[in-house]
Amino acid sequence: VRIIDVNGCENTSAEVSVLAAGIEGLGDASVFAFYPNPATTILNVIVSAELIGEEMEIYDVSGKMVLKNTVTGEQNDISLTGVSTGVYFLKIAGGVKKLIVQ
């Protein structure tokens, strides 16, 4: 790896091989991401094409579903209007990720 900093100084490191093993969800159809986190009014959800048609569900920490939408494409926007500030969980096709609403 060759690195050049803002002052033009250069450094080269030895080559390193990396093997990913045991990382859950890698290459899995349930791959999704979202931003921003923390969110305020809109949550942008990016999904793999295999998830189109699946349900997106947001649960509060007590397990109560507070929002439910259908994945309509690889890019989805969810309105958080009416969702109180707090910690939530976004679930899509068995995958669950933590979401903070401010």
N, C-alpha and C. Protein backbone atom coordinates (compact mmCIF):
# COMPACT_ATOMS: atom_id res chain seq x y z
N VAL A 1 0.85 -1.17 0.00
CA VAL A 1 0.00 0.00 0.00
C VAL A 1 0.89 1.22 0.00
N ARG A 2 0.61 2.15 -0.89
CA ARG A 2 1.37 3.39 -0.98
C ARG A 2 0.52 4.53 -0.45
N ILE A 3 1.04 5.29 0.49
CA ILE A 3 0.31 6.38 1.11
C ILE A 3 1.08 7.68 0.88
N ILE A 4 0.36 8.72 0.44
CA ILE A 4 0.96 10.04 0.27
C ILE A 4 0.12 11.01 1.09
N ASP A 5 0.76 11.72 2.03
CA ASP A 5 0.00 12.65 2.87
C ASP A 5 -0.13 14.01 2.19
N VAL A 6 -0.80 14.95 2.85
CA VAL A 6 -1.06 16.27 2.26
C VAL A 6 0.22 17.07 2.03
N ASN A 7 1.31 16.73 2.70
CA ASN A 7 2.58 17.43 2.51
C ASN A 7 3.43 16.79 1.41
N GLY A 8 2.93 15.73 0.80
CA GLY A 8 3.66 15.05 -0.26
C GLY A 8 4.60 13.96 0.22
N CYS A 9 4.61 13.73 1.53
CA CYS A 9 5.45 12.65 2.08
C CYS A 9 4.84 11.31 1.69
N GLU A 10 5.71 10.39 1.33
CA GLU A 10 5.25 9.11 0.82
C GLU A 10 5.77 7.96 1.68
N ASN A 11 4.94 6.94 1.85
CA ASN A 11 5.34 5.76 2.59
C ASN A 11 4.70 4.55 1.94
N THR A 12 5.42 3.46 1.87
CA THR A 12 4.90 2.23 1.28
C THR A 12 5.01 1.13 2.31
N SER A 13 3.90 0.40 2.49
CA SER A 13 3.91 -0.71 3.44
C SER A 13 4.00 -2.02 2.69
N ALA A 14 4.28 -3.07 3.43
CA ALA A 14 4.32 -4.40 2.84
C ALA A 14 2.91 -4.82 2.43
N GLU A 15 2.83 -5.69 1.44
CA GLU A 15 1.54 -6.20 0.99
C GLU A 15 0.96 -7.11 2.06
N VAL A 16 -0.35 -6.96 2.30
CA VAL A 16 -1.04 -7.75 3.32
C VAL A 16 -2.23 -8.44 2.68
N SER A 17 -2.38 -9.74 2.91
CA SER A 17 -3.54 -10.48 2.44
C SER A 17 -4.57 -10.53 3.55
N VAL A 18 -5.84 -10.31 3.18
CA VAL A 18 -6.91 -10.34 4.17
C VAL A 18 -7.93 -11.38 3.74
N LEU A 19 -8.30 -12.25 4.65
CA LEU A 19 -9.31 -13.28 4.40
C LEU A 19 -10.49 -13.01 5.32
N ALA A 20 -11.67 -12.76 4.74
CA ALA A 20 -12.87 -12.55 5.54
C ALA A 20 -13.51 -13.90 5.82
N ALA A 21 -13.62 -14.24 7.08
CA ALA A 21 -14.21 -15.52 7.46
C ALA A 21 -15.17 -15.30 8.61
N GLY A 22 -16.35 -15.84 8.50
CA GLY A 22 -17.30 -15.75 9.60
C GLY A 22 -18.00 -14.42 9.72
N ILE A 23 -17.99 -13.62 8.68
CA ILE A 23 -18.70 -12.34 8.73
C ILE A 23 -20.12 -12.58 8.27
N GLU A 24 -21.07 -12.45 9.18
CA GLU A 24 -22.47 -12.70 8.89
C GLU A 24 -22.99 -11.69 7.88
N GLY A 25 -23.73 -12.17 6.90
CA GLY A 25 -24.37 -11.30 5.93
C GLY A 25 -23.53 -11.01 4.70
N LEU A 26 -22.27 -11.40 4.69
CA LEU A 26 -21.42 -11.15 3.55
C LEU A 26 -21.90 -12.00 2.37
N GLY A 27 -22.33 -11.35 1.28
CA GLY A 27 -22.86 -12.07 0.13
C GLY A 27 -24.27 -12.59 0.34
N ASP A 28 -24.90 -12.19 1.41
CA ASP A 28 -26.23 -12.64 1.77
C ASP A 28 -27.28 -11.74 1.12
N ALA A 29 -28.45 -12.28 0.81
CA ALA A 29 -29.53 -11.50 0.19
C ALA A 29 -30.11 -10.48 1.16
N SER A 30 -29.82 -10.59 2.44
CA SER A 30 -30.40 -9.66 3.41
C SER A 30 -29.50 -8.46 3.68
N VAL A 31 -28.68 -8.08 2.72
CA VAL A 31 -27.77 -6.96 2.90
C VAL A 31 -28.52 -5.65 2.69
N PHE A 32 -28.44 -4.78 3.71
CA PHE A 32 -29.00 -3.44 3.58
C PHE A 32 -28.22 -2.47 4.44
N ALA A 33 -28.33 -1.21 4.09
CA ALA A 33 -27.67 -0.14 4.85
C ALA A 33 -28.62 1.04 4.88
N PHE A 34 -28.39 1.95 5.81
CA PHE A 34 -29.22 3.15 5.86
C PHE A 34 -28.42 4.32 6.40
N TYR A 35 -28.90 5.51 6.10
CA TYR A 35 -28.28 6.75 6.57
C TYR A 35 -29.35 7.83 6.60
N PRO A 36 -29.20 8.89 7.35
CA PRO A 36 -28.20 9.08 8.39
C PRO A 36 -28.58 8.30 9.64
N ASN A 37 -27.65 8.12 10.50
CA ASN A 37 -27.91 7.48 11.79
C ASN A 37 -27.01 8.15 12.82
N PRO A 38 -27.55 9.01 13.64
CA PRO A 38 -28.94 9.26 13.95
C PRO A 38 -29.69 9.96 12.81
N ALA A 39 -30.99 9.68 12.74
CA ALA A 39 -31.87 10.27 11.73
C ALA A 39 -32.83 11.25 12.41
N THR A 40 -33.40 12.15 11.60
CA THR A 40 -34.38 13.09 12.14
C THR A 40 -35.73 12.95 11.45
N THR A 41 -35.80 13.28 10.16
CA THR A 41 -37.10 13.27 9.47
C THR A 41 -37.20 12.23 8.37
N ILE A 42 -36.09 11.95 7.69
CA ILE A 42 -36.08 10.98 6.58
C ILE A 42 -34.95 9.98 6.80
N LEU A 43 -35.25 8.71 6.58
CA LEU A 43 -34.25 7.66 6.64
C LEU A 43 -34.08 7.10 5.23
N ASN A 44 -32.87 7.13 4.71
CA ASN A 44 -32.56 6.60 3.38
C ASN A 44 -32.07 5.17 3.55
N VAL A 45 -32.75 4.23 2.90
CA VAL A 45 -32.43 2.82 3.04
C VAL A 45 -31.97 2.28 1.69
N ILE A 46 -30.79 1.68 1.65
CA ILE A 46 -30.23 1.08 0.44
C ILE A 46 -30.27 -0.43 0.64
N VAL A 47 -30.81 -1.15 -0.34
CA VAL A 47 -30.92 -2.61 -0.22
C VAL A 47 -30.38 -3.29 -1.47
N SER A 48 -30.06 -4.57 -1.33
CA SER A 48 -29.70 -5.36 -2.50
C SER A 48 -30.99 -5.65 -3.28
N ALA A 49 -30.86 -5.88 -4.58
CA ALA A 49 -32.02 -6.08 -5.45
C ALA A 49 -32.90 -7.24 -4.99
N GLU A 50 -32.29 -8.23 -4.33
CA GLU A 50 -33.04 -9.40 -3.87
C GLU A 50 -34.09 -9.04 -2.81
N LEU A 51 -33.94 -7.87 -2.17
CA LEU A 51 -34.87 -7.48 -1.10
C LEU A 51 -36.07 -6.68 -1.59
N ILE A 52 -36.11 -6.34 -2.88
CA ILE A 52 -37.25 -5.59 -3.41
C ILE A 52 -38.51 -6.44 -3.22
N GLY A 53 -39.54 -5.82 -2.63
CA GLY A 53 -40.79 -6.51 -2.34
C GLY A 53 -40.89 -6.97 -0.89
N GLU A 54 -39.78 -6.99 -0.16
CA GLU A 54 -39.78 -7.37 1.25
C GLU A 54 -40.35 -6.22 2.09
N GLU A 55 -40.69 -6.54 3.33
CA GLU A 55 -41.19 -5.52 4.27
C GLU A 55 -40.04 -4.91 5.04
N MET A 56 -40.10 -3.58 5.25
CA MET A 56 -39.18 -2.87 6.14
C MET A 56 -40.00 -2.53 7.37
N GLU A 57 -39.53 -2.95 8.53
CA GLU A 57 -40.27 -2.70 9.77
C GLU A 57 -39.36 -2.02 10.77
N ILE A 58 -39.89 -1.01 11.45
CA ILE A 58 -39.16 -0.32 12.50
C ILE A 58 -39.84 -0.63 13.82
N TYR A 59 -39.04 -1.13 14.78
CA TYR A 59 -39.54 -1.50 16.10
C TYR A 59 -38.89 -0.62 17.16
N ASP A 60 -39.65 -0.31 18.22
CA ASP A 60 -39.04 0.39 19.35
C ASP A 60 -38.37 -0.63 20.26
N VAL A 61 -37.74 -0.16 21.34
CA VAL A 61 -36.99 -1.07 22.21
C VAL A 61 -37.88 -2.05 22.97
N SER A 62 -39.18 -1.77 23.05
CA SER A 62 -40.09 -2.71 23.71
C SER A 62 -40.58 -3.80 22.76
N GLY A 63 -40.20 -3.68 21.47
CA GLY A 63 -40.63 -4.68 20.49
C GLY A 63 -41.88 -4.31 19.73
N LYS A 64 -42.43 -3.12 19.98
CA LYS A 64 -43.64 -2.66 19.29
C LYS A 64 -43.27 -2.11 17.91
N MET A 65 -43.97 -2.58 16.87
CA MET A 65 -43.74 -2.07 15.52
C MET A 65 -44.32 -0.66 15.42
N VAL A 66 -43.50 0.29 14.98
CA VAL A 66 -43.96 1.67 14.87
C VAL A 66 -44.11 2.12 13.43
N LEU A 67 -43.50 1.41 12.49
CA LEU A 67 -43.59 1.74 11.07
C LEU A 67 -43.42 0.49 10.23
N LYS A 68 -44.12 0.44 9.11
CA LYS A 68 -43.98 -0.68 8.20
C LYS A 68 -44.14 -0.17 6.77
N ASN A 69 -43.16 -0.44 5.93
CA ASN A 69 -43.18 -0.07 4.51
C ASN A 69 -42.71 -1.26 3.69
N THR A 70 -42.98 -1.22 2.40
CA THR A 70 -42.49 -2.25 1.49
C THR A 70 -41.29 -1.71 0.73
N VAL A 71 -40.26 -2.52 0.56
CA VAL A 71 -39.10 -2.14 -0.23
C VAL A 71 -39.54 -2.07 -1.68
N THR A 72 -39.39 -0.88 -2.30
CA THR A 72 -39.86 -0.68 -3.67
C THR A 72 -38.74 -0.61 -4.69
N GLY A 73 -37.51 -0.47 -4.22
CA GLY A 73 -36.36 -0.37 -5.10
C GLY A 73 -35.09 -0.49 -4.29
N GLU A 74 -33.96 -0.31 -4.94
CA GLU A 74 -32.69 -0.41 -4.22
C GLU A 74 -32.44 0.80 -3.33
N GLN A 75 -33.12 1.93 -3.59
CA GLN A 75 -33.03 3.14 -2.77
C GLN A 75 -34.45 3.45 -2.27
N ASN A 76 -34.62 3.54 -0.95
CA ASN A 76 -35.93 3.79 -0.35
C ASN A 76 -35.80 4.90 0.69
N ASP A 77 -36.78 5.80 0.71
CA ASP A 77 -36.81 6.86 1.71
C ASP A 77 -38.00 6.61 2.63
N ILE A 78 -37.74 6.61 3.93
CA ILE A 78 -38.80 6.40 4.92
C ILE A 78 -38.99 7.70 5.69
N SER A 79 -40.21 8.21 5.73
CA SER A 79 -40.52 9.39 6.53
C SER A 79 -40.61 8.98 7.99
N LEU A 80 -39.90 9.71 8.84
CA LEU A 80 -39.93 9.45 10.27
C LEU A 80 -40.83 10.44 11.00
N THR A 81 -41.66 11.14 10.25
CA THR A 81 -42.62 12.07 10.83
C THR A 81 -43.52 11.32 11.80
N GLY A 82 -43.64 11.81 13.01
CA GLY A 82 -44.47 11.16 14.01
C GLY A 82 -43.76 10.10 14.83
N VAL A 83 -42.50 9.80 14.48
CA VAL A 83 -41.71 8.82 15.25
C VAL A 83 -40.97 9.60 16.34
N SER A 84 -41.18 9.21 17.58
CA SER A 84 -40.56 9.90 18.72
C SER A 84 -39.06 9.67 18.75
N THR A 85 -38.35 10.59 19.40
CA THR A 85 -36.92 10.45 19.63
C THR A 85 -36.65 9.17 20.42
N GLY A 86 -35.63 8.43 20.02
CA GLY A 86 -35.28 7.22 20.76
C GLY A 86 -34.50 6.23 19.95
N VAL A 87 -34.34 5.04 20.51
CA VAL A 87 -33.61 3.94 19.87
C VAL A 87 -34.63 2.99 19.25
N TYR A 88 -34.37 2.58 18.02
CA TYR A 88 -35.27 1.70 17.28
C TYR A 88 -34.44 0.63 16.57
N PHE A 89 -35.12 -0.31 15.96
CA PHE A 89 -34.47 -1.36 15.19
C PHE A 89 -35.17 -1.47 13.85
N LEU A 90 -34.38 -1.41 12.76
CA LEU A 90 -34.89 -1.57 11.41
C LEU A 90 -34.70 -3.02 11.00
N LYS A 91 -35.78 -3.67 10.62
CA LYS A 91 -35.74 -5.08 10.23
C LYS A 91 -36.17 -5.21 8.78
N ILE A 92 -35.34 -5.90 7.99
CA ILE A 92 -35.67 -6.22 6.61
C ILE A 92 -35.25 -7.67 6.36
N ALA A 93 -36.20 -8.52 6.02
CA ALA A 93 -35.94 -9.91 5.66
C ALA A 93 -35.04 -10.64 6.66
N GLY A 94 -35.30 -10.48 7.93
CA GLY A 94 -34.54 -11.18 8.95
C GLY A 94 -33.29 -10.44 9.43
N GLY A 95 -32.81 -9.46 8.66
CA GLY A 95 -31.68 -8.65 9.10
C GLY A 95 -32.18 -7.51 9.96
N VAL A 96 -31.48 -7.24 11.07
CA VAL A 96 -31.89 -6.19 12.00
C VAL A 96 -30.71 -5.29 12.30
N LYS A 97 -30.94 -3.96 12.24
CA LYS A 97 -29.89 -3.00 12.57
C LYS A 97 -30.46 -1.91 13.46
N LYS A 98 -29.61 -1.39 14.34
CA LYS A 98 -30.01 -0.37 15.30
C LYS A 98 -30.10 1.01 14.62
N LEU A 99 -31.16 1.74 14.95
CA LEU A 99 -31.44 3.06 14.40
C LEU A 99 -31.70 4.01 15.57
N ILE A 100 -31.14 5.20 15.49
CA ILE A 100 -31.41 6.24 16.48
C ILE A 100 -32.15 7.37 15.80
N VAL A 101 -33.27 7.80 16.41
CA VAL A 101 -34.06 8.92 15.90
C VAL A 101 -33.90 10.07 16.87
N GLN A 102 -33.53 11.25 16.33
CA GLN A 102 -33.37 12.44 17.17
C GLN A 102 -34.46 13.44 16.89
